[in-house]
Amino acid sequence: MATEEMNKNKNKILWNEKERKFETEDKKAYLEYEEVKINGVGKVMDITHTYVPPSKRGLGLASHLCVAAFSHAQYHSSSVIPTCSYVSVEVDVIISESLLLVPYDGYLIVR
């Protein structure tokens, strides 16, 4: 039970605003993004990369990182460009039904 609780704490997702990342508390798994401006769209978070080390794979961390990023974007009225290959493939599973996928200038933007 104590080991299970320690793993939960290690896998807690935090927003690192300065480095533009969402990451686990131990900083070993992370999602990177860039803030971009697109005329006519407003604030946009371009998710460029997710990484989960081999020792943490299979725990659903990549999905948890994405959920944190999409929730953050929705809370801050930002759109999302899922440039990261993992996010672009898993976007239908990750986003909630209340968000809208909009094609824009060759991108798939989540609003």
PDB file of N, CA and C in Angstrom:
ATOM      1  N   MET A   1       0.828  -1.192   0.000  1.00  0.00           N
ATOM      2  CA  MET A   1       0.000   0.000   0.000  1.00  0.00           C
ATOM      3  C   MET A   1       0.870   1.252   0.000  1.00  0.00           C
ATOM      4  N   ALA A   2       1.946   1.277   0.800  1.00  0.00           N
ATOM      5  CA  ALA A   2       2.820   2.443   0.843  1.00  0.00           C
ATOM      6  C   ALA A   2       3.492   2.669  -0.513  1.00  0.00           C
ATOM      7  N   THR A   3       3.900   1.600  -1.186  1.00  0.00           N
ATOM      8  CA  THR A   3       4.532   1.710  -2.509  1.00  0.00           C
ATOM      9  C   THR A   3       3.543   2.270  -3.513  1.00  0.00           C
ATOM     10  N   GLU A   4       2.292   1.825  -3.449  1.00  0.00           N
ATOM     11  CA  GLU A   4       1.255   2.321  -4.354  1.00  0.00           C
ATOM     12  C   GLU A   4       1.045   3.823  -4.168  1.00  0.00           C
ATOM     13  N   GLU A   5       1.031   4.289  -2.938  1.00  0.00           N
ATOM     14  CA  GLU A   5       0.863   5.712  -2.649  1.00  0.00           C
ATOM     15  C   GLU A   5       2.062   6.518  -3.157  1.00  0.00           C
ATOM     16  N   MET A   6       3.275   5.977  -3.002  1.00  0.00           N
ATOM     17  CA  MET A   6       4.471   6.659  -3.501  1.00  0.00           C
ATOM     18  C   MET A   6       4.417   6.794  -5.020  1.00  0.00           C
ATOM     19  N   ASN A   7       3.958   5.743  -5.721  1.00  0.00           N
ATOM     20  CA  ASN A   7       3.849   5.799  -7.174  1.00  0.00           C
ATOM     21  C   ASN A   7       2.843   6.839  -7.620  1.00  0.00           C
ATOM     22  N   LYS A   8       1.735   6.976  -6.892  1.00  0.00           N
ATOM     23  CA  LYS A   8       0.740   7.991  -7.230  1.00  0.00           C
ATOM     24  C   LYS A   8       1.354   9.383  -7.136  1.00  0.00           C
ATOM     25  N   ASN A   9       2.134   9.634  -6.096  1.00  0.00           N
ATOM     26  CA  ASN A   9       2.762  10.940  -5.932  1.00  0.00           C
ATOM     27  C   ASN A   9       3.783  11.202  -7.033  1.00  0.00           C
ATOM     28  N   LYS A  10       4.564  10.199  -7.406  1.00  0.00           N
ATOM     29  CA  LYS A  10       5.550  10.355  -8.467  1.00  0.00           C
ATOM     30  C   LYS A  10       4.874  10.641  -9.801  1.00  0.00           C
ATOM     31  N   ASN A  11       3.658  10.163  -9.986  1.00  0.00           N
ATOM     32  CA  ASN A  11       2.959  10.301 -11.250  1.00  0.00           C
ATOM     33  C   ASN A  11       1.975  11.467 -11.265  1.00  0.00           C
ATOM     34  N   LYS A  12       1.993  12.296 -10.243  1.00  0.00           N
ATOM     35  CA  LYS A  12       1.155  13.485 -10.208  1.00  0.00           C
ATOM     36  C   LYS A  12       1.618  14.426 -11.324  1.00  0.00           C
ATOM     37  N   ILE A  13       0.678  15.004 -12.065  1.00  0.00           N
ATOM     38  CA  ILE A  13       1.007  15.873 -13.194  1.00  0.00           C
ATOM     39  C   ILE A  13       1.014  17.331 -12.730  1.00  0.00           C
ATOM     40  N   LEU A  14       2.108  18.030 -13.032  1.00  0.00           N
ATOM     41  CA  LEU A  14       2.275  19.430 -12.658  1.00  0.00           C
ATOM     42  C   LEU A  14       2.496  20.274 -13.912  1.00  0.00           C
ATOM     43  N   TRP A  15       2.072  21.526 -13.860  1.00  0.00           N
ATOM     44  CA  TRP A  15       2.302  22.455 -14.960  1.00  0.00           C
ATOM     45  C   TRP A  15       3.568  23.243 -14.664  1.00  0.00           C
ATOM     46  N   ASN A  16       4.538  23.173 -15.564  1.00  0.00           N
ATOM     47  CA  ASN A  16       5.777  23.933 -15.460  1.00  0.00           C
ATOM     48  C   ASN A  16       5.678  25.057 -16.489  1.00  0.00           C
ATOM     49  N   GLU A  17       5.112  26.169 -16.070  1.00  0.00           N
ATOM     50  CA  GLU A  17       4.840  27.278 -16.986  1.00  0.00           C
ATOM     51  C   GLU A  17       6.121  27.822 -17.610  1.00  0.00           C
ATOM     52  N   LYS A  18       7.175  27.957 -16.813  1.00  0.00           N
ATOM     53  CA  LYS A  18       8.429  28.540 -17.281  1.00  0.00           C
ATOM     54  C   LYS A  18       9.026  27.734 -18.448  1.00  0.00           C
ATOM     55  N   GLU A  19       9.001  26.407 -18.336  1.00  0.00           N
ATOM     56  CA  GLU A  19       9.581  25.553 -19.380  1.00  0.00           C
ATOM     57  C   GLU A  19       8.547  25.081 -20.396  1.00  0.00           C
ATOM     58  N   ARG A  20       7.312  25.546 -20.252  1.00  0.00           N
ATOM     59  CA  ARG A  20       6.210  25.162 -21.134  1.00  0.00           C
ATOM     60  C   ARG A  20       6.088  23.643 -21.228  1.00  0.00           C
ATOM     61  N   LYS A  21       5.855  23.045 -20.064  1.00  0.00           N
ATOM     62  CA  LYS A  21       5.731  21.591 -19.953  1.00  0.00           C
ATOM     63  C   LYS A  21       4.642  21.230 -18.955  1.00  0.00           C
ATOM     64  N   PHE A  22       4.095  20.065 -19.139  1.00  0.00           N
ATOM     65  CA  PHE A  22       3.337  19.371 -18.110  1.00  0.00           C
ATOM     66  C   PHE A  22       4.205  18.163 -17.798  1.00  0.00           C
ATOM     67  N   GLU A  23       4.416  17.887 -16.520  1.00  0.00           N
ATOM     68  CA  GLU A  23       5.368  16.833 -16.164  1.00  0.00           C
ATOM     69  C   GLU A  23       4.971  16.142 -14.874  1.00  0.00           C
ATOM     70  N   THR A  24       5.523  14.944 -14.710  1.00  0.00           N
ATOM     71  CA  THR A  24       5.333  14.251 -13.440  1.00  0.00           C
ATOM     72  C   THR A  24       6.180  14.952 -12.389  1.00  0.00           C
ATOM     73  N   GLU A  25       5.857  14.718 -11.146  1.00  0.00           N
ATOM     74  CA  GLU A  25       6.557  15.385 -10.058  1.00  0.00           C
ATOM     75  C   GLU A  25       8.063  15.121 -10.091  1.00  0.00           C
ATOM     76  N   ASP A  26       8.444  13.936 -10.525  1.00  0.00           N
ATOM     77  CA  ASP A  26       9.875  13.607 -10.616  1.00  0.00           C
ATOM     78  C   ASP A  26      10.500  14.089 -11.930  1.00  0.00           C
ATOM     79  N   LYS A  27       9.706  14.722 -12.777  1.00  0.00           N
ATOM     80  CA  LYS A  27      10.129  15.328 -14.044  1.00  0.00           C
ATOM     81  C   LYS A  27      10.611  14.322 -15.096  1.00  0.00           C
ATOM     82  N   LYS A  28      10.338  13.047 -14.893  1.00  0.00           N
ATOM     83  CA  LYS A  28      10.826  12.033 -15.835  1.00  0.00           C
ATOM     84  C   LYS A  28       9.898  11.844 -17.030  1.00  0.00           C
ATOM     85  N   ALA A  29       8.618  12.059 -16.857  1.00  0.00           N
ATOM     86  CA  ALA A  29       7.653  11.983 -17.963  1.00  0.00           C
ATOM     87  C   ALA A  29       7.117  13.393 -18.173  1.00  0.00           C
ATOM     88  N   TYR A  30       6.992  13.782 -19.450  1.00  0.00           N
ATOM     89  CA  TYR A  30       6.575  15.159 -19.697  1.00  0.00           C
ATOM     90  C   TYR A  30       5.917  15.323 -21.058  1.00  0.00           C
ATOM     91  N   LEU A  31       5.226  16.430 -21.196  1.00  0.00           N
ATOM     92  CA  LEU A  31       4.615  16.871 -22.449  1.00  0.00           C
ATOM     93  C   LEU A  31       5.104  18.294 -22.665  1.00  0.00           C
ATOM     94  N   GLU A  32       5.647  18.572 -23.842  1.00  0.00           N
ATOM     95  CA  GLU A  32       6.138  19.908 -24.159  1.00  0.00           C
ATOM     96  C   GLU A  32       5.190  20.595 -25.129  1.00  0.00           C
ATOM     97  N   TYR A  33       5.088  21.911 -24.996  1.00  0.00           N
ATOM     98  CA  TYR A  33       4.232  22.675 -25.903  1.00  0.00           C
ATOM     99  C   TYR A  33       4.865  24.025 -26.200  1.00  0.00           C
ATOM    100  N   GLU A  34       4.380  24.646 -27.256  1.00  0.00           N
ATOM    101  CA  GLU A  34       4.767  26.010 -27.602  1.00  0.00           C
ATOM    102  C   GLU A  34       3.500  26.842 -27.654  1.00  0.00           C
ATOM    103  N   GLU A  35       3.621  28.083 -27.263  1.00  0.00           N
ATOM    104  CA  GLU A  35       2.503  29.012 -27.398  1.00  0.00           C
ATOM    105  C   GLU A  35       2.671  29.729 -28.727  1.00  0.00           C
ATOM    106  N   VAL A  36       1.655  29.649 -29.567  1.00  0.00           N
ATOM    107  CA  VAL A  36       1.715  30.294 -30.877  1.00  0.00           C
ATOM    108  C   VAL A  36       0.502  31.188 -31.051  1.00  0.00           C
ATOM    109  N   LYS A  37       0.653  32.139 -31.953  1.00  0.00           N
ATOM    110  CA  LYS A  37      -0.465  33.024 -32.271  1.00  0.00           C
ATOM    111  C   LYS A  37      -0.828  32.801 -33.724  1.00  0.00           C
ATOM    112  N   ILE A  38      -2.085  32.543 -33.958  1.00  0.00           N
ATOM    113  CA  ILE A  38      -2.601  32.364 -35.311  1.00  0.00           C
ATOM    114  C   ILE A  38      -3.738  33.357 -35.486  1.00  0.00           C
ATOM    115  N   ASN A  39      -3.627  34.192 -36.492  1.00  0.00           N
ATOM    116  CA  ASN A  39      -4.679  35.191 -36.737  1.00  0.00           C
ATOM    117  C   ASN A  39      -6.024  34.506 -36.908  1.00  0.00           C
ATOM    118  N   GLY A  40      -7.009  35.029 -36.255  1.00  0.00           N
ATOM    119  CA  GLY A  40      -8.361  34.499 -36.356  1.00  0.00           C
ATOM    120  C   GLY A  40      -8.657  33.356 -35.402  1.00  0.00           C
ATOM    121  N   VAL A  41      -7.653  32.875 -34.690  1.00  0.00           N
ATOM    122  CA  VAL A  41      -7.862  31.753 -33.770  1.00  0.00           C
ATOM    123  C   VAL A  41      -7.668  32.187 -32.326  1.00  0.00           C
ATOM    124  N   GLY A  42      -6.715  33.065 -32.064  1.00  0.00           N
ATOM    125  CA  GLY A  42      -6.434  33.494 -30.696  1.00  0.00           C
ATOM    126  C   GLY A  42      -5.312  32.677 -30.088  1.00  0.00           C
ATOM    127  N   LYS A  43      -5.399  32.442 -28.784  1.00  0.00           N
ATOM    128  CA  LYS A  43      -4.346  31.705 -28.078  1.00  0.00           C
ATOM    129  C   LYS A  43      -4.337  30.246 -28.531  1.00  0.00           C
ATOM    130  N   VAL A  44      -3.137  29.741 -28.819  1.00  0.00           N
ATOM    131  CA  VAL A  44      -2.997  28.367 -29.291  1.00  0.00           C
ATOM    132  C   VAL A  44      -1.837  27.694 -28.570  1.00  0.00           C
ATOM    133  N   MET A  45      -2.084  26.479 -28.096  1.00  0.00           N
ATOM    134  CA  MET A  45      -1.051  25.640 -27.503  1.00  0.00           C
ATOM    135  C   MET A  45      -0.717  24.563 -28.530  1.00  0.00           C
ATOM    136  N   ASP A  46       0.510  24.586 -29.047  1.00  0.00           N
ATOM    137  CA  ASP A  46       0.966  23.579 -30.002  1.00  0.00           C
ATOM    138  C   ASP A  46       1.712  22.514 -29.222  1.00  0.00           C
ATOM    139  N   ILE A  47       1.091  21.346 -29.050  1.00  0.00           N
ATOM    140  CA  ILE A  47       1.720  20.253 -28.307  1.00  0.00           C
ATOM    141  C   ILE A  47       2.704  19.570 -29.244  1.00  0.00           C
ATOM    142  N   THR A  48       3.988  19.686 -28.915  1.00  0.00           N
ATOM    143  CA  THR A  48       5.047  19.245 -29.815  1.00  0.00           C
ATOM    144  C   THR A  48       5.670  17.903 -29.459  1.00  0.00           C
ATOM    145  N   HIS A  49       5.595  17.499 -28.186  1.00  0.00           N
ATOM    146  CA  HIS A  49       6.326  16.283 -27.800  1.00  0.00           C
ATOM    147  C   HIS A  49       5.796  15.728 -26.486  1.00  0.00           C
ATOM    148  N   THR A  50       5.676  14.419 -26.422  1.00  0.00           N
ATOM    149  CA  THR A  50       5.432  13.746 -25.140  1.00  0.00           C
ATOM    150  C   THR A  50       6.522  12.707 -24.953  1.00  0.00           C
ATOM    151  N   TYR A  51       6.912  12.496 -23.707  1.00  0.00           N
ATOM    152  CA  TYR A  51       7.924  11.483 -23.413  1.00  0.00           C
ATOM    153  C   TYR A  51       7.593  10.810 -22.095  1.00  0.00           C
ATOM    154  N   VAL A  52       7.653   9.491 -22.121  1.00  0.00           N
ATOM    155  CA  VAL A  52       7.513   8.679 -20.920  1.00  0.00           C
ATOM    156  C   VAL A  52       8.669   7.681 -20.941  1.00  0.00           C
ATOM    157  N   PRO A  53       9.507   7.659 -19.883  1.00  0.00           N
ATOM    158  CA  PRO A  53      10.640   6.741 -19.883  1.00  0.00           C
ATOM    159  C   PRO A  53      10.166   5.286 -19.813  1.00  0.00           C
ATOM    160  N   PRO A  54      10.992   4.363 -20.284  1.00  0.00           N
ATOM    161  CA  PRO A  54      10.596   2.942 -20.280  1.00  0.00           C
ATOM    162  C   PRO A  54      10.109   2.448 -18.914  1.00  0.00           C
ATOM    163  N   SER A  55      10.692   2.935 -17.845  1.00  0.00           N
ATOM    164  CA  SER A  55      10.307   2.474 -16.503  1.00  0.00           C
ATOM    165  C   SER A  55       8.900   2.900 -16.103  1.00  0.00           C
ATOM    166  N   LYS A  56       8.328   3.871 -16.813  1.00  0.00           N
ATOM    167  CA  LYS A  56       6.989   4.360 -16.466  1.00  0.00           C
ATOM    168  C   LYS A  56       5.942   4.051 -17.532  1.00  0.00           C
ATOM    169  N   ARG A  57       6.338   3.366 -18.576  1.00  0.00           N
ATOM    170  CA  ARG A  57       5.397   3.063 -19.657  1.00  0.00           C
ATOM    171  C   ARG A  57       4.370   2.027 -19.197  1.00  0.00           C
ATOM    172  N   GLY A  58       3.191   2.109 -19.804  1.00  0.00           N
ATOM    173  CA  GLY A  58       2.118   1.182 -19.460  1.00  0.00           C
ATOM    174  C   GLY A  58       1.257   1.648 -18.296  1.00  0.00           C
ATOM    175  N   LEU A  59       1.532   2.823 -17.762  1.00  0.00           N
ATOM    176  CA  LEU A  59       0.776   3.359 -16.622  1.00  0.00           C
ATOM    177  C   LEU A  59      -0.252   4.394 -17.056  1.00  0.00           C
ATOM    178  N   GLY A  60      -0.310   4.685 -18.353  1.00  0.00           N
ATOM    179  CA  GLY A  60      -1.249   5.679 -18.848  1.00  0.00           C
ATOM    180  C   GLY A  60      -0.783   7.112 -18.670  1.00  0.00           C
ATOM    181  N   LEU A  61       0.512   7.307 -18.415  1.00  0.00           N
ATOM    182  CA  LEU A  61       1.012   8.655 -18.144  1.00  0.00           C
ATOM    183  C   LEU A  61       0.917   9.586 -19.347  1.00  0.00           C
ATOM    184  N   ALA A  62       1.189   9.087 -20.544  1.00  0.00           N
ATOM    185  CA  ALA A  62       1.090   9.953 -21.730  1.00  0.00           C
ATOM    186  C   ALA A  62      -0.327  10.505 -21.858  1.00  0.00           C
ATOM    187  N   SER A  63      -1.298   9.646 -21.637  1.00  0.00           N
ATOM    188  CA  SER A  63      -2.686  10.088 -21.687  1.00  0.00           C
ATOM    189  C   SER A  63      -2.989  11.094 -20.580  1.00  0.00           C
ATOM    190  N   HIS A  64      -2.493  10.846 -19.362  1.00  0.00           N
ATOM    191  CA  HIS A  64      -2.715  11.776 -18.249  1.00  0.00           C
ATOM    192  C   HIS A  64      -2.077  13.135 -18.531  1.00  0.00           C
ATOM    193  N   LEU A  65      -0.884  13.126 -19.141  1.00  0.00           N
ATOM    194  CA  LEU A  65      -0.231  14.379 -19.508  1.00  0.00           C
ATOM    195  C   LEU A  65      -1.078  15.150 -20.516  1.00  0.00           C
ATOM    196  N   CYS A  66      -1.625  14.422 -21.479  1.00  0.00           N
ATOM    197  CA  CYS A  66      -2.464  15.063 -22.504  1.00  0.00           C
ATOM    198  C   CYS A  66      -3.747  15.615 -21.915  1.00  0.00           C
ATOM    199  N   VAL A  67      -4.370  14.871 -21.048  1.00  0.00           N
ATOM    200  CA  VAL A  67      -5.594  15.343 -20.403  1.00  0.00           C
ATOM    201  C   VAL A  67      -5.307  16.628 -19.628  1.00  0.00           C
ATOM    202  N   ALA A  68      -4.172  16.676 -18.923  1.00  0.00           N
ATOM    203  CA  ALA A  68      -3.808  17.886 -18.177  1.00  0.00           C
ATOM    204  C   ALA A  68      -3.629  19.068 -19.124  1.00  0.00           C
ATOM    205  N   ALA A  69      -2.961  18.837 -20.255  1.00  0.00           N
ATOM    206  CA  ALA A  69      -2.731  19.919 -21.223  1.00  0.00           C
ATOM    207  C   ALA A  69      -4.039  20.395 -21.850  1.00  0.00           C
ATOM    208  N   PHE A  70      -4.896  19.455 -22.258  1.00  0.00           N
ATOM    209  CA  PHE A  70      -6.168  19.839 -22.866  1.00  0.00           C
ATOM    210  C   PHE A  70      -7.077  20.541 -21.859  1.00  0.00           C
ATOM    211  N   SER A  71      -7.083  20.084 -20.625  1.00  0.00           N
ATOM    212  CA  SER A  71      -7.882  20.739 -19.585  1.00  0.00           C
ATOM    213  C   SER A  71      -7.382  22.157 -19.338  1.00  0.00           C
ATOM    214  N   HIS A  72      -6.072  22.306 -19.303  1.00  0.00           N
ATOM    215  CA  HIS A  72      -5.463  23.623 -19.128  1.00  0.00           C
ATOM    216  C   HIS A  72      -5.852  24.549 -20.280  1.00  0.00           C
ATOM    217  N   ALA A  73      -5.747  24.048 -21.495  1.00  0.00           N
ATOM    218  CA  ALA A  73      -6.106  24.848 -22.673  1.00  0.00           C
ATOM    219  C   ALA A  73      -7.567  25.257 -22.627  1.00  0.00           C
ATOM    220  N   GLN A  74      -8.435  24.323 -22.277  1.00  0.00           N
ATOM    221  CA  GLN A  74      -9.862  24.629 -22.212  1.00  0.00           C
ATOM    222  C   GLN A  74     -10.134  25.674 -21.132  1.00  0.00           C
ATOM    223  N   TYR A  75      -9.507  25.531 -19.980  1.00  0.00           N
ATOM    224  CA  TYR A  75      -9.706  26.475 -18.875  1.00  0.00           C
ATOM    225  C   TYR A  75      -9.248  27.879 -19.265  1.00  0.00           C
ATOM    226  N   HIS A  76      -8.172  27.959 -20.059  1.00  0.00           N
ATOM    227  CA  HIS A  76      -7.610  29.247 -20.465  1.00  0.00           C
ATOM    228  C   HIS A  76      -8.102  29.702 -21.839  1.00  0.00           C
ATOM    229  N   SER A  77      -9.162  29.073 -22.322  1.00  0.00           N
ATOM    230  CA  SER A  77      -9.773  29.422 -23.613  1.00  0.00           C
ATOM    231  C   SER A  77      -8.763  29.412 -24.756  1.00  0.00           C
ATOM    232  N   SER A  78      -7.877  28.424 -24.732  1.00  0.00           N
ATOM    233  CA  SER A  78      -6.886  28.266 -25.789  1.00  0.00           C
ATOM    234  C   SER A  78      -7.300  27.133 -26.712  1.00  0.00           C
ATOM    235  N   SER A  79      -6.864  27.237 -27.950  1.00  0.00           N
ATOM    236  CA  SER A  79      -7.008  26.129 -28.888  1.00  0.00           C
ATOM    237  C   SER A  79      -5.752  25.277 -28.798  1.00  0.00           C
ATOM    238  N   VAL A  80      -5.808  24.060 -29.346  1.00  0.00           N
ATOM    239  CA  VAL A  80      -4.660  23.151 -29.307  1.00  0.00           C
ATOM    240  C   VAL A  80      -4.365  22.640 -30.706  1.00  0.00           C
ATOM    241  N   ILE A  81      -3.088  22.642 -31.069  1.00  0.00           N
ATOM    242  CA  ILE A  81      -2.638  21.970 -32.277  1.00  0.00           C
ATOM    243  C   ILE A  81      -1.892  20.719 -31.826  1.00  0.00           C
ATOM    244  N   PRO A  82      -2.389  19.535 -32.161  1.00  0.00           N
ATOM    245  CA  PRO A  82      -1.728  18.295 -31.725  1.00  0.00           C
ATOM    246  C   PRO A  82      -0.615  17.867 -32.686  1.00  0.00           C
ATOM    247  N   THR A  83       0.501  18.613 -32.696  1.00  0.00           N
ATOM    248  CA  THR A  83       1.627  18.307 -33.576  1.00  0.00           C
ATOM    249  C   THR A  83       2.312  16.998 -33.190  1.00  0.00           C
ATOM    250  N   CYS A  84       2.414  16.728 -31.918  1.00  0.00           N
ATOM    251  CA  CYS A  84       3.027  15.493 -31.432  1.00  0.00           C
ATOM    252  C   CYS A  84       2.304  14.288 -32.037  1.00  0.00           C
ATOM    253  N   SER A  85       3.070  13.324 -32.536  1.00  0.00           N
ATOM    254  CA  SER A  85       2.453  12.165 -33.196  1.00  0.00           C
ATOM    255  C   SER A  85       1.550  11.375 -32.251  1.00  0.00           C
ATOM    256  N   TYR A  86       1.937  11.229 -30.987  1.00  0.00           N
ATOM    257  CA  TYR A  86       1.098  10.506 -30.025  1.00  0.00           C
ATOM    258  C   TYR A  86      -0.237  11.224 -29.859  1.00  0.00           C
ATOM    259  N   VAL A  87      -0.181  12.517 -29.677  1.00  0.00           N
ATOM    260  CA  VAL A  87      -1.399  13.297 -29.447  1.00  0.00           C
ATOM    261  C   VAL A  87      -2.276  13.292 -30.690  1.00  0.00           C
ATOM    262  N   SER A  88      -1.666  13.421 -31.873  1.00  0.00           N
ATOM    263  CA  SER A  88      -2.471  13.460 -33.093  1.00  0.00           C
ATOM    264  C   SER A  88      -3.199  12.141 -33.341  1.00  0.00           C
ATOM    265  N   VAL A  89      -2.607  11.030 -32.941  1.00  0.00           N
ATOM    266  CA  VAL A  89      -3.245   9.723 -33.106  1.00  0.00           C
ATOM    267  C   VAL A  89      -4.302   9.499 -32.024  1.00  0.00           C
ATOM    268  N   GLU A  90      -4.008   9.927 -30.813  1.00  0.00           N
ATOM    269  CA  GLU A  90      -4.877   9.658 -29.671  1.00  0.00           C
ATOM    270  C   GLU A  90      -5.868  10.773 -29.361  1.00  0.00           C
ATOM    271  N   VAL A  91      -5.901  11.822 -30.182  1.00  0.00           N
ATOM    272  CA  VAL A  91      -6.706  12.994 -29.858  1.00  0.00           C
ATOM    273  C   VAL A  91      -8.185  12.663 -29.642  1.00  0.00           C
ATOM    274  N   ASP A  92      -8.736  11.734 -30.394  1.00  0.00           N
ATOM    275  CA  ASP A  92     -10.148  11.380 -30.233  1.00  0.00           C
ATOM    276  C   ASP A  92     -10.425  10.763 -28.871  1.00  0.00           C
ATOM    277  N   VAL A  93      -9.455  10.039 -28.333  1.00  0.00           N
ATOM    278  CA  VAL A  93      -9.616   9.398 -27.029  1.00  0.00           C
ATOM    279  C   VAL A  93      -9.378  10.402 -25.911  1.00  0.00           C
ATOM    280  N   ILE A  94      -8.435  11.304 -26.128  1.00  0.00           N
ATOM    281  CA  ILE A  94      -7.985  12.212 -25.077  1.00  0.00           C
ATOM    282  C   ILE A  94      -8.961  13.343 -24.799  1.00  0.00           C
ATOM    283  N   ILE A  95      -9.495  13.945 -25.845  1.00  0.00           N
ATOM    284  CA  ILE A  95     -10.326  15.132 -25.627  1.00  0.00           C
ATOM    285  C   ILE A  95     -11.731  14.751 -25.182  1.00  0.00           C
ATOM    286  N   SER A  96     -12.348  15.678 -24.509  1.00  0.00           N
ATOM    287  CA  SER A  96     -13.727  15.454 -24.099  1.00  0.00           C
ATOM    288  C   SER A  96     -14.647  15.818 -25.261  1.00  0.00           C
ATOM    289  N   GLU A  97     -15.858  15.361 -25.205  1.00  0.00           N
ATOM    290  CA  GLU A  97     -16.809  15.624 -26.276  1.00  0.00           C
ATOM    291  C   GLU A  97     -17.212  17.093 -26.350  1.00  0.00           C
ATOM    292  N   SER A  98     -16.909  17.870 -25.324  1.00  0.00           N
ATOM    293  CA  SER A  98     -17.294  19.280 -25.326  1.00  0.00           C
ATOM    294  C   SER A  98     -16.331  20.139 -26.157  1.00  0.00           C
ATOM    295  N   LEU A  99     -15.207  19.562 -26.584  1.00  0.00           N
ATOM    296  CA  LEU A  99     -14.263  20.306 -27.411  1.00  0.00           C
ATOM    297  C   LEU A  99     -14.561  20.052 -28.878  1.00  0.00           C
ATOM    298  N   LEU A 100     -14.164  20.978 -29.720  1.00  0.00           N
ATOM    299  CA  LEU A 100     -14.472  20.923 -31.141  1.00  0.00           C
ATOM    300  C   LEU A 100     -13.174  20.840 -31.941  1.00  0.00           C
ATOM    301  N   LEU A 101     -13.090  19.913 -32.895  1.00  0.00           N
ATOM    302  CA  LEU A 101     -11.949  19.807 -33.790  1.00  0.00           C
ATOM    303  C   LEU A 101     -12.231  20.652 -35.023  1.00  0.00           C
ATOM    304  N   VAL A 102     -11.334  21.580 -35.320  1.00  0.00           N
ATOM    305  CA  VAL A 102     -11.540  22.502 -36.431  1.00  0.00           C
ATOM    306  C   VAL A 102     -10.317  22.489 -37.335  1.00  0.00           C
ATOM    307  N   PRO A 103     -10.485  22.171 -38.643  1.00  0.00           N
ATOM    308  CA  PRO A 103      -9.338  22.283 -39.541  1.00  0.00           C
ATOM    309  C   PRO A 103      -9.045  23.758 -39.819  1.00  0.00           C
ATOM    310  N   TYR A 104      -7.771  24.145 -39.770  1.00  0.00           N
ATOM    311  CA  TYR A 104      -7.398  25.533 -40.005  1.00  0.00           C
ATOM    312  C   TYR A 104      -6.009  25.577 -40.634  1.00  0.00           C
ATOM    313  N   ASP A 105      -5.930  26.052 -41.844  1.00  0.00           N
ATOM    314  CA  ASP A 105      -4.656  26.262 -42.528  1.00  0.00           C
ATOM    315  C   ASP A 105      -3.745  25.033 -42.454  1.00  0.00           C
ATOM    316  N   GLY A 106      -4.298  23.874 -42.707  1.00  0.00           N
ATOM    317  CA  GLY A 106      -3.512  22.650 -42.703  1.00  0.00           C
ATOM    318  C   GLY A 106      -3.327  22.008 -41.340  1.00  0.00           C
ATOM    319  N   TYR A 107      -3.870  22.616 -40.286  1.00  0.00           N
ATOM    320  CA  TYR A 107      -3.766  22.075 -38.948  1.00  0.00           C
ATOM    321  C   TYR A 107      -5.125  21.578 -38.477  1.00  0.00           C
ATOM    322  N   LEU A 108      -5.094  20.658 -37.533  1.00  0.00           N
ATOM    323  CA  LEU A 108      -6.313  20.261 -36.846  1.00  0.00           C
ATOM    324  C   LEU A 108      -6.255  20.937 -35.497  1.00  0.00           C
ATOM    325  N   ILE A 109      -7.118  21.895 -35.251  1.00  0.00           N
ATOM    326  CA  ILE A 109      -7.100  22.674 -34.029  1.00  0.00           C
ATOM    327  C   ILE A 109      -8.243  22.225 -33.128  1.00  0.00           C
ATOM    328  N   VAL A 110      -7.947  22.056 -31.866  1.00  0.00           N
ATOM    329  CA  VAL A 110      -8.958  21.648 -30.895  1.00  0.00           C
ATOM    330  C   VAL A 110      -9.404  22.887 -30.154  1.00  0.00           C
ATOM    331  N   ARG A 111     -10.712  23.119 -30.142  1.00  0.00           N
ATOM    332  CA  ARG A 111     -11.275  24.270 -29.433  1.00  0.00           C
ATOM    333  C   ARG A 111     -12.205  23.802 -28.359  1.00  0.00           C
TER     334      ARG A 111
END
